[in-house]
Every structure is written in structure tokens, then in C-alpha cells.
Amino acid sequence: MQQDKYICNFLLLLVLVYYSQGVIYPMGSIISQTTLLLIMLISLVYFVKELFFVQSKFTLFIKAWTALLLLIVAGFFLKGDFENYRGFQSTLLNMVPFYAFYYFSKKDVLTKKHLIVLFIILAPMIVYRFTQSNISLQAIREREDVIDNTIYMFLGLIPFVFLFKRKVFSIIALLIFWIFIVQSAKRAAIVCGVFGILLFFYYQLKTVNSRYQIRNYTVILIIFFGLSYWGYEYLLENEFLMVRLQSMMEGDSSGRDNIARIAFATWYESNNIFIYLFGNGFQTTADVSANNSHNDWIELLVSFGLLGFTIYAILFYSALKEIYSGNFVFNKKIMFICLIGIAIITSLTSRWYGSSFAYSQILLLPYLLATKDNSIKK
């Protein structure tokens, strides 16, 4: 047990060091690459340990997660395009450490306190990274209205706000996230932010103290409508974002529909049963279009055929099944809903299993799955 604690703490420290690139040291330096390598090596040990040496019954979600990981690894090496390693690297970071932290969560080594401390350290670093990235992008484009994808890193932090016992900390964090999300002008991020905020206030209404129920309901509703009004007004002040939202309502997808159409045609018009079943290889959309697909489902269908698409569908089906199974205690169920909701949105509009906010997938997700029957206090 003591050894597990040391390794867990060391792995958490490595995660923080990795995400401090661009804040404490330059992006993509030898420090980040060495840190990533250590994270992968330690996680692979627990991947093997969890799959072959620990006597535990795997849920459908973990089976689908493992199948997707193995499929992506096999597809990358079979394709042999090792120059496109960055996408593969991001996917590994999002998926492999899951097993280590799942193991630590089952052993009560990874706890709520660890996650709160990690959030408190990560949040200001991500604020700094976004601010610096935004300033650099404005200087390059020579205009203030820019779209910065760094905002996606905030989305992985949203489910963490449910960890705080004191509501004021959660509200402050959500307000800060909302300010930066609106500033980013990313439409998918707006949807995720609204989803997280609505879910948070629903959680507050469901967990009010029954002794002062009427008073607490009144206070929560006043706060909710007050902040909603302020948030909406702040949204309207961003003219650039309002233009983008209007264009979205008119069908503008920033070229993503063309990328998806080209990628899908590559698969559908192949007239090859092997490609229909197993796809064209790792990240095919980058080979046949100007950019990677901003849709996990299209990417998996084109790259790994019906096999990859089906495994991904099973993954989300199993997640929804976990929600409706009744095994979660309520507070963790809400967090899980928030996490999976953001996962579904980002899987349709950008990336999830290879996203920039891996800390949500490798830390909070395994923690919730491993301790879903336990009180949040643990």
C-alpha cells in the first residue's frame, strides 16, 4: 500500500510537470517529452498489472476502452506512418494512464483530496497558457478577434468543480471558466460551458438542506437567475462570438462538413470490404483532407472502419448504462454525467479520446468508475 502511494504521488507530480509546459518551461521541450515517457512507462506497468494480474471483473466500459486503445495502437504501427506521432502520442496520454489511476482509486490511494489539489494547481496554469496563447495569436493575426483552441483545456476542468464541498468555490471557478470560454469564441466550448453550469445548479437544487428547504431553494434560484442574466449579457457583449453563433444557426461549420464529407467518401466509395470493416489506417482524414477530422465518429469510421465505430459506440453506450444502472451515489453520478456529456459534445465537434484535456479522462473518469459506490468524502 505504501509503495502504491509513492508511485501514485509521483505519477500525479509527473502529470503536473507535463501540463506546466508553456508556463514554467517551453512547450515541447526535452522536459515534457521525458515526463511523458515516464508517465507512459509507469502507466504501462499498471496496464499489464490491471489486465493480467489483478483479479477483478471488468465492466463493459473498461472492455470497450481497452479494445479502442489496442485498436488504435495496432492501427498506428500497421500503417507505419511514424511521422504522424503527435496524434498517437495525444491518444496514448488520454487512454493509457487510465489503468494506473483506476488501480489507485480502487485501492483508495487516489482520493478526492488529490483531485482537488491537482485542480487548484492546474486551473491557474491553464488560465496562464490560454492568456499567453491568445496574446500570441492576436499578434500573429494582427487583430483582436481570434479563435484559440487552447480553450478546450478548460472543458476537462468543468467536472472537477463538483468536488468542492463549499459551493462558493465551485461558482467562482465556473464563472472564471465562462469568462474565458466566451472570450475564446469557440461554439462547442460555449455548449459545454452551458451544460456544466446547468448541471451544477440542478445538483444544488437536488441537494438542498431539507431543514431550510424553501429558503435554500429561493437563494439558489436567485443566484442562478442572477448569474444567468450576467452570463447572457456578457455573451451578448462579444460581437465576434455572436456573429459566429448566428453563422452556426445558418449552417456554417467552419469547413468541418467538407472535411467530414471527403473523409466519409474515402471510406464509403472504396468498394472494399476490408476497408469497410477495418478502415484505411490511423488518422486517415489528415491524409485525404486539409486537416484532421473534428469528429471522432467520422475519424474512427474512416480510419478503423465499422469495427472502430462500433467499439466507440459501445464505449458511450456502456457509459450511459453506468449512469442508468443506479450504482452511482448521486454526487458522483452528477460528475460522471458532466464528464460524459462533455465527452459526447467534443466527440462530435472536435476530439475527445485524443483531446488536450487528458486529465479528465485519466484522473476523474477512472476515479469515478472505481469509487462510484462510495461517498464523495473518500
Foldseek 3Di string as FASTA:
>chain_A
DVVLLVVVVVLLVLVLQLLLDVPPHDPPDPSNVVSLVVNLVVLVVLVCCQVPPDPDDDFLLVVLLVVLLVLQVVQAVVVPPCVPCLLVSLLCLLRRLQRSQLVCLLVVSFALVSLVVSLVSNVVSLVVNLVVQLVVVCVVVVHNDDADPSLVLLLLSLLNLLLDPDVVSSVVSLVVNLLVLLSNLDPLSNVLSVVSLVLVLVVQLVDDDPVPNVVSVVVSVVVSVVVVVVSVVSNVVPPSSVVVVVVVVVPDLPCLVVLLVQLVCLQPVPPDVQCQAAADGQQCSVVRDVDGHQAQLSRQCHHTHPVSNVSVVSNLVSLVCVLPVPQADDSLSSSSCSLSVSQVSSNGGHHRSSDPNSCSSSHSVSSCVSQRNDDSVD
